[in-house]
Amino acid sequence: MEEKILEKIAFYLKVPFDKKNIEELLKVSYLDEGYIDSFGMIQMILGLEEEFNIKFSEEELLSQEIKTVKGLVNLVKEKMGY
């Protein structure tokens, strides 16, 4: 499941997804590193909510955890019960 989530995030970040670059991708702080802007983040969040049938709370959207790929993956997995 983690790979599917990462694949979707990589799509929004416009980076290639490869099983070989998972560790690098997990370290990305996408806003700080300029992969996407705030509008792109909103699109990504809405896309993830739709794709995985989840809903992020306001607290989660304002958390530091959601600002990194690893944190976002963990939040999605948690929402899905993994």
PDB file of N, CA and C in Angstrom:
ATOM      1  N   MET A   1       0.823  -1.195   0.000  1.00  0.00           N
ATOM      2  CA  MET A   1       0.000   0.000   0.000  1.00  0.00           C
ATOM      3  C   MET A   1       0.869   1.262   0.000  1.00  0.00           C
ATOM      4  N   GLU A   2       1.988   1.189   0.722  1.00  0.00           N
ATOM      5  CA  GLU A   2       2.866   2.363   0.789  1.00  0.00           C
ATOM      6  C   GLU A   2       3.351   2.771  -0.602  1.00  0.00           C
ATOM      7  N   GLU A   3       3.657   1.778  -1.435  1.00  0.00           N
ATOM      8  CA  GLU A   3       4.127   2.094  -2.784  1.00  0.00           C
ATOM      9  C   GLU A   3       3.055   2.809  -3.597  1.00  0.00           C
ATOM     10  N   LYS A   4       1.816   2.394  -3.437  1.00  0.00           N
ATOM     11  CA  LYS A   4       0.716   3.035  -4.178  1.00  0.00           C
ATOM     12  C   LYS A   4       0.560   4.490  -3.738  1.00  0.00           C
ATOM     13  N   ILE A   5       0.674   4.734  -2.449  1.00  0.00           N
ATOM     14  CA  ILE A   5       0.589   6.098  -1.918  1.00  0.00           C
ATOM     15  C   ILE A   5       1.755   6.935  -2.454  1.00  0.00           C
ATOM     16  N   LEU A   6       2.951   6.365  -2.401  1.00  0.00           N
ATOM     17  CA  LEU A   6       4.140   7.070  -2.900  1.00  0.00           C
ATOM     18  C   LEU A   6       4.034   7.366  -4.389  1.00  0.00           C
ATOM     19  N   GLU A   7       3.493   6.433  -5.130  1.00  0.00           N
ATOM     20  CA  GLU A   7       3.311   6.636  -6.566  1.00  0.00           C
ATOM     21  C   GLU A   7       2.421   7.838  -6.840  1.00  0.00           C
ATOM     22  N   LYS A   8       1.336   7.938  -6.065  1.00  0.00           N
ATOM     23  CA  LYS A   8       0.398   9.051  -6.240  1.00  0.00           C
ATOM     24  C   LYS A   8       1.057  10.376  -5.842  1.00  0.00           C
ATOM     25  N   ILE A   9       1.796  10.383  -4.752  1.00  0.00           N
ATOM     26  CA  ILE A   9       2.486  11.600  -4.309  1.00  0.00           C
ATOM     27  C   ILE A   9       3.522  12.010  -5.353  1.00  0.00           C
ATOM     28  N   ALA A  10       4.287  11.053  -5.866  1.00  0.00           N
ATOM     29  CA  ALA A  10       5.293  11.345  -6.893  1.00  0.00           C
ATOM     30  C   ALA A  10       4.638  11.968  -8.121  1.00  0.00           C
ATOM     31  N   PHE A  11       3.448  11.501  -8.469  1.00  0.00           N
ATOM     32  CA  PHE A  11       2.715  12.072  -9.599  1.00  0.00           C
ATOM     33  C   PHE A  11       2.463  13.556  -9.373  1.00  0.00           C
ATOM     34  N   TYR A  12       1.993  13.921  -8.185  1.00  0.00           N
ATOM     35  CA  TYR A  12       1.708  15.329  -7.890  1.00  0.00           C
ATOM     36  C   TYR A  12       2.973  16.169  -7.780  1.00  0.00           C
ATOM     37  N   LEU A  13       4.060  15.551  -7.341  1.00  0.00           N
ATOM     38  CA  LEU A  13       5.325  16.280  -7.222  1.00  0.00           C
ATOM     39  C   LEU A  13       6.072  16.338  -8.555  1.00  0.00           C
ATOM     40  N   LYS A  14       5.541  15.625  -9.540  1.00  0.00           N
ATOM     41  CA  LYS A  14       6.149  15.570 -10.878  1.00  0.00           C
ATOM     42  C   LYS A  14       7.573  15.030 -10.833  1.00  0.00           C
ATOM     43  N   VAL A  15       7.751  13.979 -10.026  1.00  0.00           N
ATOM     44  CA  VAL A  15       9.040  13.286  -9.971  1.00  0.00           C
ATOM     45  C   VAL A  15       8.820  11.832 -10.365  1.00  0.00           C
ATOM     46  N   PRO A  16       9.817  11.224 -10.996  1.00  0.00           N
ATOM     47  CA  PRO A  16       9.653   9.818 -11.373  1.00  0.00           C
ATOM     48  C   PRO A  16       9.595   8.933 -10.142  1.00  0.00           C
ATOM     49  N   PHE A  17       8.733   7.935 -10.197  1.00  0.00           N
ATOM     50  CA  PHE A  17       8.649   6.981  -9.087  1.00  0.00           C
ATOM     51  C   PHE A  17       9.333   5.698  -9.508  1.00  0.00           C
ATOM     52  N   ASP A  18      10.240   5.253  -8.674  1.00  0.00           N
ATOM     53  CA  ASP A  18      10.975   4.028  -8.923  1.00  0.00           C
ATOM     54  C   ASP A  18      11.225   3.387  -7.561  1.00  0.00           C
ATOM     55  N   LYS A  19      11.104   2.087  -7.491  1.00  0.00           N
ATOM     56  CA  LYS A  19      11.334   1.400  -6.217  1.00  0.00           C
ATOM     57  C   LYS A  19      12.727   1.679  -5.672  1.00  0.00           C
ATOM     58  N   LYS A  20      13.655   2.051  -6.545  1.00  0.00           N
ATOM     59  CA  LYS A  20      15.025   2.328  -6.126  1.00  0.00           C
ATOM     60  C   LYS A  20      15.158   3.678  -5.424  1.00  0.00           C
ATOM     61  N   ASN A  21      14.212   4.605  -5.647  1.00  0.00           N
ATOM     62  CA  ASN A  21      14.350   5.936  -5.039  1.00  0.00           C
ATOM     63  C   ASN A  21      13.363   6.187  -3.902  1.00  0.00           C
ATOM     64  N   ILE A  22      12.783   5.136  -3.355  1.00  0.00           N
ATOM     65  CA  ILE A  22      11.795   5.289  -2.283  1.00  0.00           C
ATOM     66  C   ILE A  22      12.388   6.016  -1.078  1.00  0.00           C
ATOM     67  N   GLU A  23      13.568   5.611  -0.632  1.00  0.00           N
ATOM     68  CA  GLU A  23      14.171   6.233   0.554  1.00  0.00           C
ATOM     69  C   GLU A  23      14.428   7.726   0.328  1.00  0.00           C
ATOM     70  N   GLU A  24      14.885   8.078  -0.853  1.00  0.00           N
ATOM     71  CA  GLU A  24      15.114   9.499  -1.165  1.00  0.00           C
ATOM     72  C   GLU A  24      13.801  10.264  -1.182  1.00  0.00           C
ATOM     73  N   LEU A  25      12.791   9.664  -1.794  1.00  0.00           N
ATOM     74  CA  LEU A  25      11.481  10.316  -1.899  1.00  0.00           C
ATOM     75  C   LEU A  25      10.870  10.556  -0.523  1.00  0.00           C
ATOM     76  N   LEU A  26      11.029   9.601   0.387  1.00  0.00           N
ATOM     77  CA  LEU A  26      10.464   9.745   1.732  1.00  0.00           C
ATOM     78  C   LEU A  26      11.059  10.926   2.495  1.00  0.00           C
ATOM     79  N   LYS A  27      12.279  11.322   2.164  1.00  0.00           N
ATOM     80  CA  LYS A  27      12.960  12.422   2.859  1.00  0.00           C
ATOM     81  C   LYS A  27      12.548  13.807   2.366  1.00  0.00           C
ATOM     82  N   VAL A  28      11.828  13.868   1.245  1.00  0.00           N
ATOM     83  CA  VAL A  28      11.510  15.150   0.616  1.00  0.00           C
ATOM     84  C   VAL A  28      10.547  15.976   1.464  1.00  0.00           C
ATOM     85  N   SER A  29      10.914  17.229   1.668  1.00  0.00           N
ATOM     86  CA  SER A  29      10.031  18.226   2.264  1.00  0.00           C
ATOM     87  C   SER A  29       9.561  19.095   1.105  1.00  0.00           C
ATOM     88  N   TYR A  30       8.487  18.674   0.453  1.00  0.00           N
ATOM     89  CA  TYR A  30       8.108  19.181  -0.868  1.00  0.00           C
ATOM     90  C   TYR A  30       7.838  20.673  -0.949  1.00  0.00           C
ATOM     91  N   LEU A  31       7.272  21.285   0.060  1.00  0.00           N
ATOM     92  CA  LEU A  31       7.048  22.737   0.009  1.00  0.00           C
ATOM     93  C   LEU A  31       8.366  23.491   0.168  1.00  0.00           C
ATOM     94  N   ASP A  32       9.142  23.107   1.178  1.00  0.00           N
ATOM     95  CA  ASP A  32      10.412  23.783   1.451  1.00  0.00           C
ATOM     96  C   ASP A  32      11.405  23.631   0.304  1.00  0.00           C
ATOM     97  N   GLU A  33      11.355  22.489  -0.378  1.00  0.00           N
ATOM     98  CA  GLU A  33      12.309  22.216  -1.455  1.00  0.00           C
ATOM     99  C   GLU A  33      11.786  22.647  -2.823  1.00  0.00           C
ATOM    100  N   GLY A  34      10.604  23.230  -2.862  1.00  0.00           N
ATOM    101  CA  GLY A  34      10.086  23.798  -4.093  1.00  0.00           C
ATOM    102  C   GLY A  34       9.500  22.817  -5.101  1.00  0.00           C
ATOM    103  N   TYR A  35       9.179  21.628  -4.666  1.00  0.00           N
ATOM    104  CA  TYR A  35       8.566  20.663  -5.588  1.00  0.00           C
ATOM    105  C   TYR A  35       7.172  21.102  -6.001  1.00  0.00           C
ATOM    106  N   ILE A  36       6.438  21.690  -5.060  1.00  0.00           N
ATOM    107  CA  ILE A  36       5.105  22.229  -5.344  1.00  0.00           C
ATOM    108  C   ILE A  36       4.904  23.496  -4.525  1.00  0.00           C
ATOM    109  N   ASP A  37       3.934  24.300  -4.938  1.00  0.00           N
ATOM    110  CA  ASP A  37       3.567  25.482  -4.164  1.00  0.00           C
ATOM    111  C   ASP A  37       2.319  25.145  -3.348  1.00  0.00           C
ATOM    112  N   SER A  38       1.779  26.128  -2.660  1.00  0.00           N
ATOM    113  CA  SER A  38       0.630  25.859  -1.782  1.00  0.00           C
ATOM    114  C   SER A  38      -0.589  25.391  -2.572  1.00  0.00           C
ATOM    115  N   PHE A  39      -0.778  25.917  -3.782  1.00  0.00           N
ATOM    116  CA  PHE A  39      -1.892  25.464  -4.618  1.00  0.00           C
ATOM    117  C   PHE A  39      -1.691  24.001  -5.026  1.00  0.00           C
ATOM    118  N   GLY A  40      -0.463  23.658  -5.364  1.00  0.00           N
ATOM    119  CA  GLY A  40      -0.147  22.274  -5.708  1.00  0.00           C
ATOM    120  C   GLY A  40      -0.372  21.342  -4.540  1.00  0.00           C
ATOM    121  N   MET A  41      -0.077  21.822  -3.333  1.00  0.00           N
ATOM    122  CA  MET A  41      -0.307  21.001  -2.144  1.00  0.00           C
ATOM    123  C   MET A  41      -1.793  20.735  -1.964  1.00  0.00           C
ATOM    124  N   ILE A  42      -2.602  21.754  -2.169  1.00  0.00           N
ATOM    125  CA  ILE A  42      -4.055  21.581  -2.046  1.00  0.00           C
ATOM    126  C   ILE A  42      -4.541  20.547  -3.061  1.00  0.00           C
ATOM    127  N   GLN A  43      -4.047  20.648  -4.289  1.00  0.00           N
ATOM    128  CA  GLN A  43      -4.435  19.674  -5.314  1.00  0.00           C
ATOM    129  C   GLN A  43      -4.016  18.258  -4.906  1.00  0.00           C
ATOM    130  N   MET A  44      -2.815  18.135  -4.367  1.00  0.00           N
ATOM    131  CA  MET A  44      -2.322  16.829  -3.951  1.00  0.00           C
ATOM    132  C   MET A  44      -3.168  16.261  -2.815  1.00  0.00           C
ATOM    133  N   ILE A  45      -3.469  17.092  -1.822  1.00  0.00           N
ATOM    134  CA  ILE A  45      -4.265  16.644  -0.678  1.00  0.00           C
ATOM    135  C   ILE A  45      -5.650  16.197  -1.149  1.00  0.00           C
ATOM    136  N   LEU A  46      -6.283  17.010  -1.977  1.00  0.00           N
ATOM    137  CA  LEU A  46      -7.615  16.644  -2.490  1.00  0.00           C
ATOM    138  C   LEU A  46      -7.554  15.362  -3.317  1.00  0.00           C
ATOM    139  N   GLY A  47      -6.506  15.219  -4.117  1.00  0.00           N
ATOM    140  CA  GLY A  47      -6.333  14.013  -4.919  1.00  0.00           C
ATOM    141  C   GLY A  47      -6.143  12.776  -4.063  1.00  0.00           C
ATOM    142  N   LEU A  48      -5.356  12.896  -2.998  1.00  0.00           N
ATOM    143  CA  LEU A  48      -5.138  11.772  -2.093  1.00  0.00           C
ATOM    144  C   LEU A  48      -6.421  11.410  -1.356  1.00  0.00           C
ATOM    145  N   GLU A  49      -7.162  12.434  -0.935  1.00  0.00           N
ATOM    146  CA  GLU A  49      -8.440  12.169  -0.253  1.00  0.00           C
ATOM    147  C   GLU A  49      -9.389  11.401  -1.168  1.00  0.00           C
ATOM    148  N   GLU A  50      -9.443  11.817  -2.418  1.00  0.00           N
ATOM    149  CA  GLU A  50     -10.340  11.166  -3.370  1.00  0.00           C
ATOM    150  C   GLU A  50      -9.855   9.751  -3.710  1.00  0.00           C
ATOM    151  N   GLU A  51      -8.572   9.626  -4.012  1.00  0.00           N
ATOM    152  CA  GLU A  51      -8.000   8.344  -4.413  1.00  0.00           C
ATOM    153  C   GLU A  51      -8.142   7.270  -3.334  1.00  0.00           C
ATOM    154  N   PHE A  52      -7.911   7.661  -2.074  1.00  0.00           N
ATOM    155  CA  PHE A  52      -7.890   6.689  -0.986  1.00  0.00           C
ATOM    156  C   PHE A  52      -9.117   6.767  -0.076  1.00  0.00           C
ATOM    157  N   ASN A  53     -10.089   7.577  -0.473  1.00  0.00           N
ATOM    158  CA  ASN A  53     -11.353   7.695   0.262  1.00  0.00           C
ATOM    159  C   ASN A  53     -11.119   8.036   1.738  1.00  0.00           C
ATOM    160  N   ILE A  54     -10.342   9.085   1.942  1.00  0.00           N
ATOM    161  CA  ILE A  54     -10.025   9.548   3.289  1.00  0.00           C
ATOM    162  C   ILE A  54     -10.327  11.038   3.377  1.00  0.00           C
ATOM    163  N   LYS A  55     -10.266  11.582   4.591  1.00  0.00           N
ATOM    164  CA  LYS A  55     -10.463  13.013   4.801  1.00  0.00           C
ATOM    165  C   LYS A  55      -9.494  13.464   5.889  1.00  0.00           C
ATOM    166  N   PHE A  56      -8.669  14.460   5.561  1.00  0.00           N
ATOM    167  CA  PHE A  56      -7.742  15.015   6.543  1.00  0.00           C
ATOM    168  C   PHE A  56      -8.460  16.048   7.402  1.00  0.00           C
ATOM    169  N   SER A  57      -8.150  16.057   8.690  1.00  0.00           N
ATOM    170  CA  SER A  57      -8.716  17.056   9.589  1.00  0.00           C
ATOM    171  C   SER A  57      -7.941  18.364   9.434  1.00  0.00           C
ATOM    172  N   GLU A  58      -8.513  19.435   9.945  1.00  0.00           N
ATOM    173  CA  GLU A  58      -7.836  20.728   9.896  1.00  0.00           C
ATOM    174  C   GLU A  58      -6.512  20.667  10.662  1.00  0.00           C
ATOM    175  N   GLU A  59      -6.526  19.970  11.800  1.00  0.00           N
ATOM    176  CA  GLU A  59      -5.301  19.818  12.590  1.00  0.00           C
ATOM    177  C   GLU A  59      -4.200  19.143  11.779  1.00  0.00           C
ATOM    178  N   GLU A  60      -4.570  18.085  11.056  1.00  0.00           N
ATOM    179  CA  GLU A  60      -3.592  17.357  10.248  1.00  0.00           C
ATOM    180  C   GLU A  60      -3.053  18.229   9.120  1.00  0.00           C
ATOM    181  N   LEU A  61      -3.919  19.018   8.525  1.00  0.00           N
ATOM    182  CA  LEU A  61      -3.493  19.887   7.428  1.00  0.00           C
ATOM    183  C   LEU A  61      -2.537  20.979   7.892  1.00  0.00           C
ATOM    184  N   LEU A  62      -2.603  21.326   9.169  1.00  0.00           N
ATOM    185  CA  LEU A  62      -1.727  22.357   9.726  1.00  0.00           C
ATOM    186  C   LEU A  62      -0.489  21.784  10.418  1.00  0.00           C
ATOM    187  N   SER A  63      -0.416  20.451  10.488  1.00  0.00           N
ATOM    188  CA  SER A  63       0.687  19.802  11.205  1.00  0.00           C
ATOM    189  C   SER A  63       1.988  19.851  10.412  1.00  0.00           C
ATOM    190  N   GLN A  64       3.086  19.673  11.119  1.00  0.00           N
ATOM    191  CA  GLN A  64       4.401  19.596  10.482  1.00  0.00           C
ATOM    192  C   GLN A  64       4.546  18.276   9.733  1.00  0.00           C
ATOM    193  N   GLU A  65       3.892  17.246  10.241  1.00  0.00           N
ATOM    194  CA  GLU A  65       4.003  15.907   9.656  1.00  0.00           C
ATOM    195  C   GLU A  65       3.591  15.883   8.187  1.00  0.00           C
ATOM    196  N   ILE A  66       2.564  16.634   7.847  1.00  0.00           N
ATOM    197  CA  ILE A  66       2.023  16.600   6.486  1.00  0.00           C
ATOM    198  C   ILE A  66       2.942  17.289   5.476  1.00  0.00           C
ATOM    199  N   LYS A  67       3.965  17.980   5.957  1.00  0.00           N
ATOM    200  CA  LYS A  67       4.841  18.754   5.071  1.00  0.00           C
ATOM    201  C   LYS A  67       5.992  17.945   4.475  1.00  0.00           C
ATOM    202  N   THR A  68       6.101  16.673   4.862  1.00  0.00           N
ATOM    203  CA  THR A  68       7.127  15.808   4.279  1.00  0.00           C
ATOM    204  C   THR A  68       6.438  14.611   3.639  1.00  0.00           C
ATOM    205  N   VAL A  69       7.092  14.021   2.676  1.00  0.00           N
ATOM    206  CA  VAL A  69       6.516  12.858   2.006  1.00  0.00           C
ATOM    207  C   VAL A  69       6.302  11.729   3.010  1.00  0.00           C
ATOM    208  N   LYS A  70       7.296  11.467   3.848  1.00  0.00           N
ATOM    209  CA  LYS A  70       7.174  10.390   4.836  1.00  0.00           C
ATOM    210  C   LYS A  70       5.996  10.640   5.774  1.00  0.00           C
ATOM    211  N   GLY A  71       5.866  11.860   6.266  1.00  0.00           N
ATOM    212  CA  GLY A  71       4.764  12.198   7.162  1.00  0.00           C
ATOM    213  C   GLY A  71       3.420  12.061   6.473  1.00  0.00           C
ATOM    214  N   LEU A  72       3.347  12.490   5.226  1.00  0.00           N
ATOM    215  CA  LEU A  72       2.103  12.404   4.472  1.00  0.00           C
ATOM    216  C   LEU A  72       1.726  10.946   4.221  1.00  0.00           C
ATOM    217  N   VAL A  73       2.708  10.133   3.862  1.00  0.00           N
ATOM    218  CA  VAL A  73       2.453   8.699   3.665  1.00  0.00           C
ATOM    219  C   VAL A  73       1.922   8.085   4.954  1.00  0.00           C
ATOM    220  N   ASN A  74       2.551   8.412   6.082  1.00  0.00           N
ATOM    221  CA  ASN A  74       2.110   7.875   7.369  1.00  0.00           C
ATOM    222  C   ASN A  74       0.686   8.302   7.702  1.00  0.00           C
ATOM    223  N   LEU A  75       0.344   9.561   7.429  1.00  0.00           N
ATOM    224  CA  LEU A  75      -1.015  10.036   7.679  1.00  0.00           C
ATOM    225  C   LEU A  75      -2.037   9.306   6.817  1.00  0.00           C
ATOM    226  N   VAL A  76      -1.721   9.111   5.547  1.00  0.00           N
ATOM    227  CA  VAL A  76      -2.640   8.404   4.654  1.00  0.00           C
ATOM    228  C   VAL A  76      -2.819   6.971   5.137  1.00  0.00           C
ATOM    229  N   LYS A  77      -1.725   6.304   5.479  1.00  0.00           N
ATOM    230  CA  LYS A  77      -1.815   4.915   5.963  1.00  0.00           C
ATOM    231  C   LYS A  77      -2.638   4.840   7.238  1.00  0.00           C
ATOM    232  N   GLU A  78      -2.419   5.788   8.143  1.00  0.00           N
ATOM    233  CA  GLU A  78      -3.184   5.837   9.403  1.00  0.00           C
ATOM    234  C   GLU A  78      -4.671   6.010   9.126  1.00  0.00           C
ATOM    235  N   LYS A  79      -5.001   6.904   8.193  1.00  0.00           N
ATOM    236  CA  LYS A  79      -6.400   7.163   7.835  1.00  0.00           C
ATOM    237  C   LYS A  79      -7.050   5.910   7.241  1.00  0.00           C
ATOM    238  N   MET A  80      -6.247   5.103   6.561  1.00  0.00           N
ATOM    239  CA  MET A  80      -6.759   3.912   5.911  1.00  0.00           C
ATOM    240  C   MET A  80      -6.749   2.694   6.858  1.00  0.00           C
ATOM    241  N   GLY A  81      -6.228   2.887   8.053  1.00  0.00           N
ATOM    242  CA  GLY A  81      -6.220   1.807   9.041  1.00  0.00           C
ATOM    243  C   GLY A  81      -5.034   0.870   8.955  1.00  0.00           C
ATOM    244  N   TYR A  82      -3.919   1.337   8.382  1.00  0.00           N
ATOM    245  CA  TYR A  82      -2.706   0.503   8.299  1.00  0.00           C
ATOM    246  C   TYR A  82      -1.734   0.843   9.390  1.00  0.00           C
TER     247      TYR A  82
END
